[in-house]
Every structure is written in C-alpha cells, then in structure tokens.
Amino acid sequence: MRTRQLVGAILIVIGLVSLLMGGISWTRNRTVVDIGPIKAQAEEHKTLPIPPVIGALALIGGVVLLVVPSRRRI
C-alpha cells in the first residue's frame, strides 16, 4: 500500500512539473581545460522536455492511485 502512495505522489509531481514548467531543466558545470593551475569551465544547460499530454496523464494517474482504494483479496 505504501508503494502505491509513493508512486502516486511521484506521478503527481512529474505531472505538475511538466504542465507548469514544460519539462525538467538542470545546469551542469563541466571542466573543458585543466592544465596545471589553469582551469576553464563551461556551464551546460540541459532540458528534458515533457509534452503536456504526458504531464496531464501522469497527474491524473497519480491522483487515481492516491484516491481510489486498493482491491482487497478474499
């Protein structure tokens, strides 16, 4: 039961991020040149675009997982 709630919460977060921000973005510092005391670094901006349809489906799926009770076996 706890796993189901965790997956539901993760799906809701992914859905909201996708709908509000258009995807997940991050910045990575990368060392380009490292010669003794001289060091050159560059920032790489990367984006993982998530289509709004996928975000809406993830959001709906997460809500369903949290709201609908699990089936009980007899």
PDB file of N, CA and C in Angstrom:
ATOM      1  N   MET A   1       0.823  -1.189   0.000  1.00  0.00           N
ATOM      2  CA  MET A   1       0.000   0.000   0.000  1.00  0.00           C
ATOM      3  C   MET A   1       0.872   1.260   0.000  1.00  0.00           C
ATOM      4  N   ARG A   2       1.946   1.229   0.729  1.00  0.00           N
ATOM      5  CA  ARG A   2       2.824   2.393   0.818  1.00  0.00           C
ATOM      6  C   ARG A   2       3.500   2.684  -0.520  1.00  0.00           C
ATOM      7  N   THR A   3       3.838   1.643  -1.256  1.00  0.00           N
ATOM      8  CA  THR A   3       4.471   1.819  -2.562  1.00  0.00           C
ATOM      9  C   THR A   3       3.511   2.513  -3.525  1.00  0.00           C
ATOM     10  N   ARG A   4       2.256   2.142  -3.447  1.00  0.00           N
ATOM     11  CA  ARG A   4       1.245   2.746  -4.311  1.00  0.00           C
ATOM     12  C   ARG A   4       1.121   4.247  -4.041  1.00  0.00           C
ATOM     13  N   GLN A   5       1.147   4.652  -2.790  1.00  0.00           N
ATOM     14  CA  GLN A   5       1.063   6.069  -2.446  1.00  0.00           C
ATOM     15  C   GLN A   5       2.305   6.818  -2.897  1.00  0.00           C
ATOM     16  N   LEU A   6       3.471   6.198  -2.777  1.00  0.00           N
ATOM     17  CA  LEU A   6       4.713   6.821  -3.211  1.00  0.00           C
ATOM     18  C   LEU A   6       4.716   7.028  -4.726  1.00  0.00           C
ATOM     19  N   VAL A   7       4.317   6.018  -5.477  1.00  0.00           N
ATOM     20  CA  VAL A   7       4.256   6.135  -6.937  1.00  0.00           C
ATOM     21  C   VAL A   7       3.237   7.199  -7.337  1.00  0.00           C
ATOM     22  N   GLY A   8       2.102   7.237  -6.654  1.00  0.00           N
ATOM     23  CA  GLY A   8       1.092   8.254  -6.938  1.00  0.00           C
ATOM     24  C   GLY A   8       1.618   9.660  -6.706  1.00  0.00           C
ATOM     25  N   ALA A   9       2.335   9.863  -5.614  1.00  0.00           N
ATOM     26  CA  ALA A   9       2.895  11.182  -5.313  1.00  0.00           C
ATOM     27  C   ALA A   9       3.952  11.576  -6.337  1.00  0.00           C
ATOM     28  N   ILE A  10       4.790  10.637  -6.745  1.00  0.00           N
ATOM     29  CA  ILE A  10       5.815  10.926  -7.751  1.00  0.00           C
ATOM     30  C   ILE A  10       5.173  11.294  -9.089  1.00  0.00           C
ATOM     31  N   LEU A  11       4.121  10.571  -9.470  1.00  0.00           N
ATOM     32  CA  LEU A  11       3.418  10.887 -10.716  1.00  0.00           C
ATOM     33  C   LEU A  11       2.785  12.275 -10.666  1.00  0.00           C
ATOM     34  N   ILE A  12       2.242  12.648  -9.524  1.00  0.00           N
ATOM     35  CA  ILE A  12       1.651  13.981  -9.388  1.00  0.00           C
ATOM     36  C   ILE A  12       2.717  15.064  -9.532  1.00  0.00           C
ATOM     37  N   VAL A  13       3.867  14.868  -8.914  1.00  0.00           N
ATOM     38  CA  VAL A  13       4.953  15.851  -9.011  1.00  0.00           C
ATOM     39  C   VAL A  13       5.441  15.962 -10.457  1.00  0.00           C
ATOM     40  N   ILE A  14       5.639  14.839 -11.129  1.00  0.00           N
ATOM     41  CA  ILE A  14       6.093  14.860 -12.525  1.00  0.00           C
ATOM     42  C   ILE A  14       5.054  15.551 -13.410  1.00  0.00           C
ATOM     43  N   GLY A  15       3.776  15.264 -13.175  1.00  0.00           N
ATOM     44  CA  GLY A  15       2.719  15.891 -13.956  1.00  0.00           C
ATOM     45  C   GLY A  15       2.668  17.396 -13.756  1.00  0.00           C
ATOM     46  N   LEU A  16       2.790  17.845 -12.508  1.00  0.00           N
ATOM     47  CA  LEU A  16       2.774  19.286 -12.238  1.00  0.00           C
ATOM     48  C   LEU A  16       3.980  19.997 -12.833  1.00  0.00           C
ATOM     49  N   VAL A  17       5.155  19.395 -12.705  1.00  0.00           N
ATOM     50  CA  VAL A  17       6.359  19.999 -13.284  1.00  0.00           C
ATOM     51  C   VAL A  17       6.226  20.101 -14.791  1.00  0.00           C
ATOM     52  N   SER A  18       5.690  19.066 -15.400  1.00  0.00           N
ATOM     53  CA  SER A  18       5.526  19.062 -16.850  1.00  0.00           C
ATOM     54  C   SER A  18       4.544  20.136 -17.298  1.00  0.00           C
ATOM     55  N   LEU A  19       3.435  20.261 -16.608  1.00  0.00           N
ATOM     56  CA  LEU A  19       2.421  21.227 -17.018  1.00  0.00           C
ATOM     57  C   LEU A  19       2.830  22.668 -16.709  1.00  0.00           C
ATOM     58  N   LEU A  20       3.478  22.898 -15.587  1.00  0.00           N
ATOM     59  CA  LEU A  20       3.815  24.258 -15.187  1.00  0.00           C
ATOM     60  C   LEU A  20       5.104  24.768 -15.813  1.00  0.00           C
ATOM     61  N   MET A  21       6.092  23.887 -15.972  1.00  0.00           N
ATOM     62  CA  MET A  21       7.398  24.333 -16.442  1.00  0.00           C
ATOM     63  C   MET A  21       7.743  23.841 -17.841  1.00  0.00           C
ATOM     64  N   GLY A  22       6.992  22.912 -18.374  1.00  0.00           N
ATOM     65  CA  GLY A  22       7.273  22.410 -19.718  1.00  0.00           C
ATOM     66  C   GLY A  22       8.347  21.337 -19.749  1.00  0.00           C
ATOM     67  N   GLY A  23       8.836  20.931 -18.620  1.00  0.00           N
ATOM     68  CA  GLY A  23       9.871  19.908 -18.558  1.00  0.00           C
ATOM     69  C   GLY A  23      10.781  20.114 -17.370  1.00  0.00           C
ATOM     70  N   ILE A  24      11.860  19.358 -17.346  1.00  0.00           N
ATOM     71  CA  ILE A  24      12.822  19.418 -16.254  1.00  0.00           C
ATOM     72  C   ILE A  24      14.123  19.986 -16.801  1.00  0.00           C
ATOM     73  N   SER A  25      14.647  21.026 -16.157  1.00  0.00           N
ATOM     74  CA  SER A  25      15.885  21.669 -16.598  1.00  0.00           C
ATOM     75  C   SER A  25      16.941  21.581 -15.508  1.00  0.00           C
ATOM     76  N   TRP A  26      18.196  21.487 -15.911  1.00  0.00           N
ATOM     77  CA  TRP A  26      19.285  21.496 -14.949  1.00  0.00           C
ATOM     78  C   TRP A  26      20.534  22.074 -15.603  1.00  0.00           C
ATOM     79  N   THR A  27      21.452  22.531 -14.772  1.00  0.00           N
ATOM     80  CA  THR A  27      22.724  23.112 -15.227  1.00  0.00           C
ATOM     81  C   THR A  27      23.857  22.263 -14.689  1.00  0.00           C
ATOM     82  N   ARG A  28      24.828  22.003 -15.563  1.00  0.00           N
ATOM     83  CA  ARG A  28      25.970  21.178 -15.175  1.00  0.00           C
ATOM     84  C   ARG A  28      27.251  21.949 -15.466  1.00  0.00           C
ATOM     85  N   ASN A  29      28.136  22.048 -14.477  1.00  0.00           N
ATOM     86  CA  ASN A  29      29.444  22.664 -14.682  1.00  0.00           C
ATOM     87  C   ASN A  29      30.406  21.599 -15.179  1.00  0.00           C
ATOM     88  N   ARG A  30      31.045  21.870 -16.287  1.00  0.00           N
ATOM     89  CA  ARG A  30      31.942  20.903 -16.905  1.00  0.00           C
ATOM     90  C   ARG A  30      33.315  21.538 -17.109  1.00  0.00           C
ATOM     91  N   THR A  31      34.361  20.815 -16.733  1.00  0.00           N
ATOM     92  CA  THR A  31      35.719  21.296 -16.932  1.00  0.00           C
ATOM     93  C   THR A  31      36.134  21.015 -18.371  1.00  0.00           C
ATOM     94  N   VAL A  32      36.446  22.087 -19.101  1.00  0.00           N
ATOM     95  CA  VAL A  32      36.818  21.968 -20.506  1.00  0.00           C
ATOM     96  C   VAL A  32      38.327  21.789 -20.632  1.00  0.00           C
ATOM     97  N   VAL A  33      39.097  22.629 -19.930  1.00  0.00           N
ATOM     98  CA  VAL A  33      40.556  22.569 -19.988  1.00  0.00           C
ATOM     99  C   VAL A  33      41.086  22.553 -18.560  1.00  0.00           C
ATOM    100  N   ASP A  34      42.024  21.642 -18.301  1.00  0.00           N
ATOM    101  CA  ASP A  34      42.647  21.570 -16.987  1.00  0.00           C
ATOM    102  C   ASP A  34      44.135  21.346 -17.183  1.00  0.00           C
ATOM    103  N   ILE A  35      44.866  22.452 -17.271  1.00  0.00           N
ATOM    104  CA  ILE A  35      46.314  22.389 -17.486  1.00  0.00           C
ATOM    105  C   ILE A  35      46.982  23.037 -16.276  1.00  0.00           C
ATOM    106  N   GLY A  36      47.442  22.215 -15.365  1.00  0.00           N
ATOM    107  CA  GLY A  36      48.115  22.714 -14.161  1.00  0.00           C
ATOM    108  C   GLY A  36      47.215  23.660 -13.390  1.00  0.00           C
ATOM    109  N   PRO A  37      47.706  24.901 -13.149  1.00  0.00           N
ATOM    110  CA  PRO A  37      46.904  25.849 -12.383  1.00  0.00           C
ATOM    111  C   PRO A  37      45.787  26.514 -13.213  1.00  0.00           C
ATOM    112  N   ILE A  38      45.809  26.298 -14.521  1.00  0.00           N
ATOM    113  CA  ILE A  38      44.795  26.913 -15.387  1.00  0.00           C
ATOM    114  C   ILE A  38      43.634  25.932 -15.567  1.00  0.00           C
ATOM    115  N   LYS A  39      42.452  26.429 -15.277  1.00  0.00           N
ATOM    116  CA  LYS A  39      41.266  25.587 -15.394  1.00  0.00           C
ATOM    117  C   LYS A  39      40.156  26.402 -16.056  1.00  0.00           C
ATOM    118  N   ALA A  40      39.567  25.849 -17.107  1.00  0.00           N
ATOM    119  CA  ALA A  40      38.444  26.506 -17.787  1.00  0.00           C
ATOM    120  C   ALA A  40      37.212  25.629 -17.631  1.00  0.00           C
ATOM    121  N   GLN A  41      36.134  26.256 -17.207  1.00  0.00           N
ATOM    122  CA  GLN A  41      34.890  25.522 -17.021  1.00  0.00           C
ATOM    123  C   GLN A  41      33.795  26.144 -17.881  1.00  0.00           C
ATOM    124  N   ALA A  42      32.854  25.306 -18.256  1.00  0.00           N
ATOM    125  CA  ALA A  42      31.704  25.765 -19.033  1.00  0.00           C
ATOM    126  C   ALA A  42      30.428  25.246 -18.386  1.00  0.00           C
ATOM    127  N   GLU A  43      29.383  26.048 -18.468  1.00  0.00           N
ATOM    128  CA  GLU A  43      28.089  25.634 -17.957  1.00  0.00           C
ATOM    129  C   GLU A  43      27.270  25.050 -19.095  1.00  0.00           C
ATOM    130  N   GLU A  44      26.730  23.883 -18.863  1.00  0.00           N
ATOM    131  CA  GLU A  44      25.856  23.250 -19.842  1.00  0.00           C
ATOM    132  C   GLU A  44      24.439  23.281 -19.290  1.00  0.00           C
ATOM    133  N   HIS A  45      23.540  23.857 -20.057  1.00  0.00           N
ATOM    134  CA  HIS A  45      22.134  23.887 -19.675  1.00  0.00           C
ATOM    135  C   HIS A  45      21.426  22.791 -20.446  1.00  0.00           C
ATOM    136  N   LYS A  46      20.831  21.871 -19.722  1.00  0.00           N
ATOM    137  CA  LYS A  46      20.132  20.761 -20.356  1.00  0.00           C
ATOM    138  C   LYS A  46      18.666  20.796 -19.956  1.00  0.00           C
ATOM    139  N   THR A  47      17.818  20.369 -20.876  1.00  0.00           N
ATOM    140  CA  THR A  47      16.384  20.340 -20.634  1.00  0.00           C
ATOM    141  C   THR A  47      15.822  19.017 -21.118  1.00  0.00           C
ATOM    142  N   LEU A  48      14.986  18.429 -20.292  1.00  0.00           N
ATOM    143  CA  LEU A  48      14.261  17.234 -20.671  1.00  0.00           C
ATOM    144  C   LEU A  48      12.802  17.653 -20.879  1.00  0.00           C
ATOM    145  N   PRO A  49      12.413  17.896 -22.149  1.00  0.00           N
ATOM    146  CA  PRO A  49      11.044  18.361 -22.384  1.00  0.00           C
ATOM    147  C   PRO A  49      10.041  17.222 -22.180  1.00  0.00           C
ATOM    148  N   ILE A  50       8.956  17.534 -21.519  1.00  0.00           N
ATOM    149  CA  ILE A  50       7.886  16.568 -21.296  1.00  0.00           C
ATOM    150  C   ILE A  50       6.622  17.164 -21.921  1.00  0.00           C
ATOM    151  N   PRO A  51       6.029  16.478 -22.896  1.00  0.00           N
ATOM    152  CA  PRO A  51       4.826  17.014 -23.539  1.00  0.00           C
ATOM    153  C   PRO A  51       3.687  17.193 -22.536  1.00  0.00           C
ATOM    154  N   PRO A  52       2.836  18.203 -22.744  1.00  0.00           N
ATOM    155  CA  PRO A  52       1.732  18.451 -21.816  1.00  0.00           C
ATOM    156  C   PRO A  52       0.761  17.273 -21.693  1.00  0.00           C
ATOM    157  N   VAL A  53       0.582  16.514 -22.758  1.00  0.00           N
ATOM    158  CA  VAL A  53      -0.326  15.365 -22.695  1.00  0.00           C
ATOM    159  C   VAL A  53       0.210  14.330 -21.707  1.00  0.00           C
ATOM    160  N   ILE A  54       1.504  14.069 -21.762  1.00  0.00           N
ATOM    161  CA  ILE A  54       2.121  13.124 -20.831  1.00  0.00           C
ATOM    162  C   ILE A  54       2.006  13.648 -19.394  1.00  0.00           C
ATOM    163  N   GLY A  55       2.220  14.950 -19.209  1.00  0.00           N
ATOM    164  CA  GLY A  55       2.089  15.541 -17.882  1.00  0.00           C
ATOM    165  C   GLY A  55       0.681  15.413 -17.327  1.00  0.00           C
ATOM    166  N   ALA A  56      -0.320  15.644 -18.179  1.00  0.00           N
ATOM    167  CA  ALA A  56      -1.707  15.522 -17.735  1.00  0.00           C
ATOM    168  C   ALA A  56      -2.033  14.074 -17.378  1.00  0.00           C
ATOM    169  N   LEU A  57      -1.566  13.132 -18.189  1.00  0.00           N
ATOM    170  CA  LEU A  57      -1.807  11.719 -17.896  1.00  0.00           C
ATOM    171  C   LEU A  57      -1.125  11.289 -16.599  1.00  0.00           C
ATOM    172  N   ALA A  58       0.098  11.778 -16.372  1.00  0.00           N
ATOM    173  CA  ALA A  58       0.806  11.445 -15.129  1.00  0.00           C
ATOM    174  C   ALA A  58       0.076  12.034 -13.923  1.00  0.00           C
ATOM    175  N   LEU A  59      -0.412  13.253 -14.056  1.00  0.00           N
ATOM    176  CA  LEU A  59      -1.136  13.893 -12.966  1.00  0.00           C
ATOM    177  C   LEU A  59      -2.426  13.133 -12.651  1.00  0.00           C
ATOM    178  N   ILE A  60      -3.180  12.793 -13.671  1.00  0.00           N
ATOM    179  CA  ILE A  60      -4.426  12.051 -13.475  1.00  0.00           C
ATOM    180  C   ILE A  60      -4.144  10.669 -12.888  1.00  0.00           C
ATOM    181  N   GLY A  61      -3.130   9.993 -13.403  1.00  0.00           N
ATOM    182  CA  GLY A  61      -2.769   8.675 -12.882  1.00  0.00           C
ATOM    183  C   GLY A  61      -2.351   8.723 -11.427  1.00  0.00           C
ATOM    184  N   GLY A  62      -1.592   9.751 -11.041  1.00  0.00           N
ATOM    185  CA  GLY A  62      -1.183   9.897  -9.647  1.00  0.00           C
ATOM    186  C   GLY A  62      -2.354  10.145  -8.724  1.00  0.00           C
ATOM    187  N   VAL A  63      -3.289  10.985  -9.166  1.00  0.00           N
ATOM    188  CA  VAL A  63      -4.474  11.251  -8.353  1.00  0.00           C
ATOM    189  C   VAL A  63      -5.305   9.978  -8.203  1.00  0.00           C
ATOM    190  N   VAL A  64      -5.452   9.226  -9.293  1.00  0.00           N
ATOM    191  CA  VAL A  64      -6.215   7.970  -9.234  1.00  0.00           C
ATOM    192  C   VAL A  64      -5.563   6.999  -8.257  1.00  0.00           C
ATOM    193  N   LEU A  65      -4.239   6.885  -8.302  1.00  0.00           N
ATOM    194  CA  LEU A  65      -3.553   5.974  -7.376  1.00  0.00           C
ATOM    195  C   LEU A  65      -3.741   6.374  -5.918  1.00  0.00           C
ATOM    196  N   LEU A  66      -3.819   7.667  -5.652  1.00  0.00           N
ATOM    197  CA  LEU A  66      -3.988   8.109  -4.268  1.00  0.00           C
ATOM    198  C   LEU A  66      -5.434   8.048  -3.793  1.00  0.00           C
ATOM    199  N   VAL A  67      -6.384   8.276  -4.699  1.00  0.00           N
ATOM    200  CA  VAL A  67      -7.778   8.397  -4.285  1.00  0.00           C
ATOM    201  C   VAL A  67      -8.513   7.072  -4.285  1.00  0.00           C
ATOM    202  N   VAL A  68      -8.338   6.271  -5.339  1.00  0.00           N
ATOM    203  CA  VAL A  68      -9.083   5.024  -5.465  1.00  0.00           C
ATOM    204  C   VAL A  68      -8.508   3.995  -4.493  1.00  0.00           C
ATOM    205  N   PRO A  69      -9.371   3.386  -3.698  1.00  0.00           N
ATOM    206  CA  PRO A  69      -8.869   2.373  -2.750  1.00  0.00           C
ATOM    207  C   PRO A  69      -8.392   1.124  -3.480  1.00  0.00           C
ATOM    208  N   SER A  70      -7.428   0.435  -2.870  1.00  0.00           N
ATOM    209  CA  SER A  70      -6.922  -0.790  -3.480  1.00  0.00           C
ATOM    210  C   SER A  70      -7.917  -1.916  -3.288  1.00  0.00           C
ATOM    211  N   ARG A  71      -7.873  -2.868  -4.207  1.00  0.00           N
ATOM    212  CA  ARG A  71      -8.772  -4.025  -4.106  1.00  0.00           C
ATOM    213  C   ARG A  71      -8.279  -4.964  -3.000  1.00  0.00           C
ATOM    214  N   ARG A  72      -9.216  -5.528  -2.298  1.00  0.00           N
ATOM    215  CA  ARG A  72      -8.852  -6.486  -1.242  1.00  0.00           C
ATOM    216  C   ARG A  72      -9.101  -7.889  -1.746  1.00  0.00           C
ATOM    217  N   ARG A  73      -8.178  -8.764  -1.449  1.00  0.00           N
ATOM    218  CA  ARG A  73      -8.335 -10.169  -1.824  1.00  0.00           C
ATOM    219  C   ARG A  73      -9.038 -10.920  -0.695  1.00  0.00           C
ATOM    220  N   ILE A  74      -9.855 -11.854  -1.082  1.00  0.00           N
ATOM    221  CA  ILE A  74     -10.600 -12.619  -0.084  1.00  0.00           C
ATOM    222  C   ILE A  74      -9.894 -13.909   0.215  1.00  0.00           C
TER     223      ILE A  74
END
